Amino acid sequence: MLKVRLMGQKNEIRWFLRVLGRNPKIQLENTSTFYNNKGTERFKRLYTEVHRIEKGSKKSNKKNDATNDSAKDSYCGSGKTFC
């Protein structure tokens, strides 16, 4: 498992999460909300966990949390984020 911090503009972070979410070999979990960076309103940061899916593992059948759209979260085209 990797813990990843993404920094950039909101639309760039959403795009990259969408790219990661399409990869069948990894699974995104515990994606955080956007946080402000000190000194700038332009750039944000977001935290997520990346899990590698092994062949034949139980996680490979599990629906990717990053693309799961629930009532409490809003979908921004990048996965489970809060806009």
Protein backbone atom coordinates (compact mmCIF):
# COMPACT_ATOMS: atom_id res chain seq x y z
CA MET A 1 0.00 0.00 0.00
CA LEU A 2 1.15 3.51 -0.82
CA LYS A 3 -0.03 6.69 0.83
CA VAL A 4 0.03 9.43 -1.78
CA ARG A 5 -0.25 13.21 -1.54
CA LEU A 6 -1.33 14.91 -4.75
CA MET A 7 -0.76 18.64 -5.16
CA GLY A 8 -1.94 20.86 -7.98
CA GLN A 9 -5.02 22.56 -9.30
CA LYS A 10 -8.34 20.86 -8.55
CA ASN A 11 -9.01 19.92 -12.16
CA GLU A 12 -5.52 18.40 -12.55
CA ILE A 13 -5.93 16.32 -9.38
CA ARG A 14 -9.37 15.12 -10.52
CA TRP A 15 -7.91 14.16 -13.90
CA PHE A 16 -5.06 12.19 -12.32
CA LEU A 17 -7.39 10.36 -9.92
CA ARG A 18 -9.55 9.41 -12.90
CA VAL A 19 -6.46 8.03 -14.68
CA LEU A 20 -5.46 6.04 -11.59
CA GLY A 21 -9.03 4.78 -11.10
CA ARG A 22 -9.06 3.30 -14.62
CA ASN A 23 -6.01 1.13 -13.95
CA PRO A 24 -7.23 -2.43 -13.21
CA LYS A 25 -4.04 -3.27 -11.29
CA ILE A 26 -4.58 -0.75 -8.50
CA GLN A 27 -7.36 0.31 -6.16
CA LEU A 28 -7.79 3.75 -4.58
CA GLU A 29 -9.09 3.93 -1.03
CA ASN A 30 -9.60 6.58 1.64
CA THR A 31 -9.44 9.53 -0.73
CA SER A 32 -9.52 12.73 1.31
CA THR A 33 -11.11 16.08 0.66
CA PHE A 34 -9.22 18.96 -0.93
CA TYR A 35 -7.00 20.92 1.45
CA ASN A 36 -5.68 24.42 0.87
CA ASN A 37 -1.95 25.01 0.56
CA LYS A 38 -0.52 27.83 2.64
CA GLY A 39 0.12 31.00 0.69
CA THR A 40 -1.99 30.16 -2.36
CA GLU A 41 -5.61 29.71 -3.29
CA ARG A 42 -4.72 28.27 -6.69
CA PHE A 43 -3.18 24.97 -5.59
CA LYS A 44 -4.81 22.30 -3.43
CA ARG A 45 -3.69 18.99 -2.01
CA LEU A 46 -5.44 15.67 -1.59
CA TYR A 47 -4.44 12.40 0.08
CA THR A 48 -5.27 8.86 -1.02
CA GLU A 49 -4.14 5.27 -0.50
CA VAL A 50 -3.16 3.12 -3.46
CA HIS A 51 -3.40 -0.67 -3.12
CA ARG A 52 -1.93 -3.09 -5.63
CA ILE A 53 -4.38 -5.78 -6.70
CA GLU A 54 -2.79 -9.21 -6.93
CA LYS A 55 -4.08 -11.74 -9.44
CA GLY A 56 -6.73 -13.96 -7.88
CA SER A 57 -7.13 -11.79 -4.77
CA LYS A 58 -10.50 -11.03 -3.24
CA LYS A 59 -9.93 -7.29 -3.74
CA SER A 60 -9.93 -7.71 -7.52
CA ASN A 61 -13.68 -8.39 -7.42
CA LYS A 62 -14.37 -5.46 -5.10
CA LYS A 63 -15.71 -2.33 -6.77
CA ASN A 64 -13.17 0.48 -6.78
CA ASP A 65 -13.95 2.95 -3.95
CA ALA A 66 -12.65 5.82 -6.04
CA THR A 67 -15.46 5.39 -8.57
CA ASN A 68 -18.14 4.61 -5.99
CA ASP A 69 -20.72 7.40 -6.01
CA SER A 70 -22.70 7.56 -2.78
CA ALA A 71 -25.34 9.98 -1.52
CA LYS A 72 -23.02 11.63 1.02
CA ASP A 73 -20.23 12.26 -1.51
CA SER A 74 -20.38 14.26 -4.70
CA TYR A 75 -18.86 12.87 -7.87
CA CYS A 76 -16.47 15.25 -9.60
CA GLY A 77 -15.36 13.04 -12.45
CA SER A 78 -12.31 11.86 -10.58
CA GLY A 79 -13.71 9.51 -8.02
CA LYS A 80 -14.73 9.82 -4.42
CA THR A 81 -13.97 13.44 -3.62
CA PHE A 82 -15.68 16.33 -1.97
CA CYS A 83 -15.93 19.40 -4.18
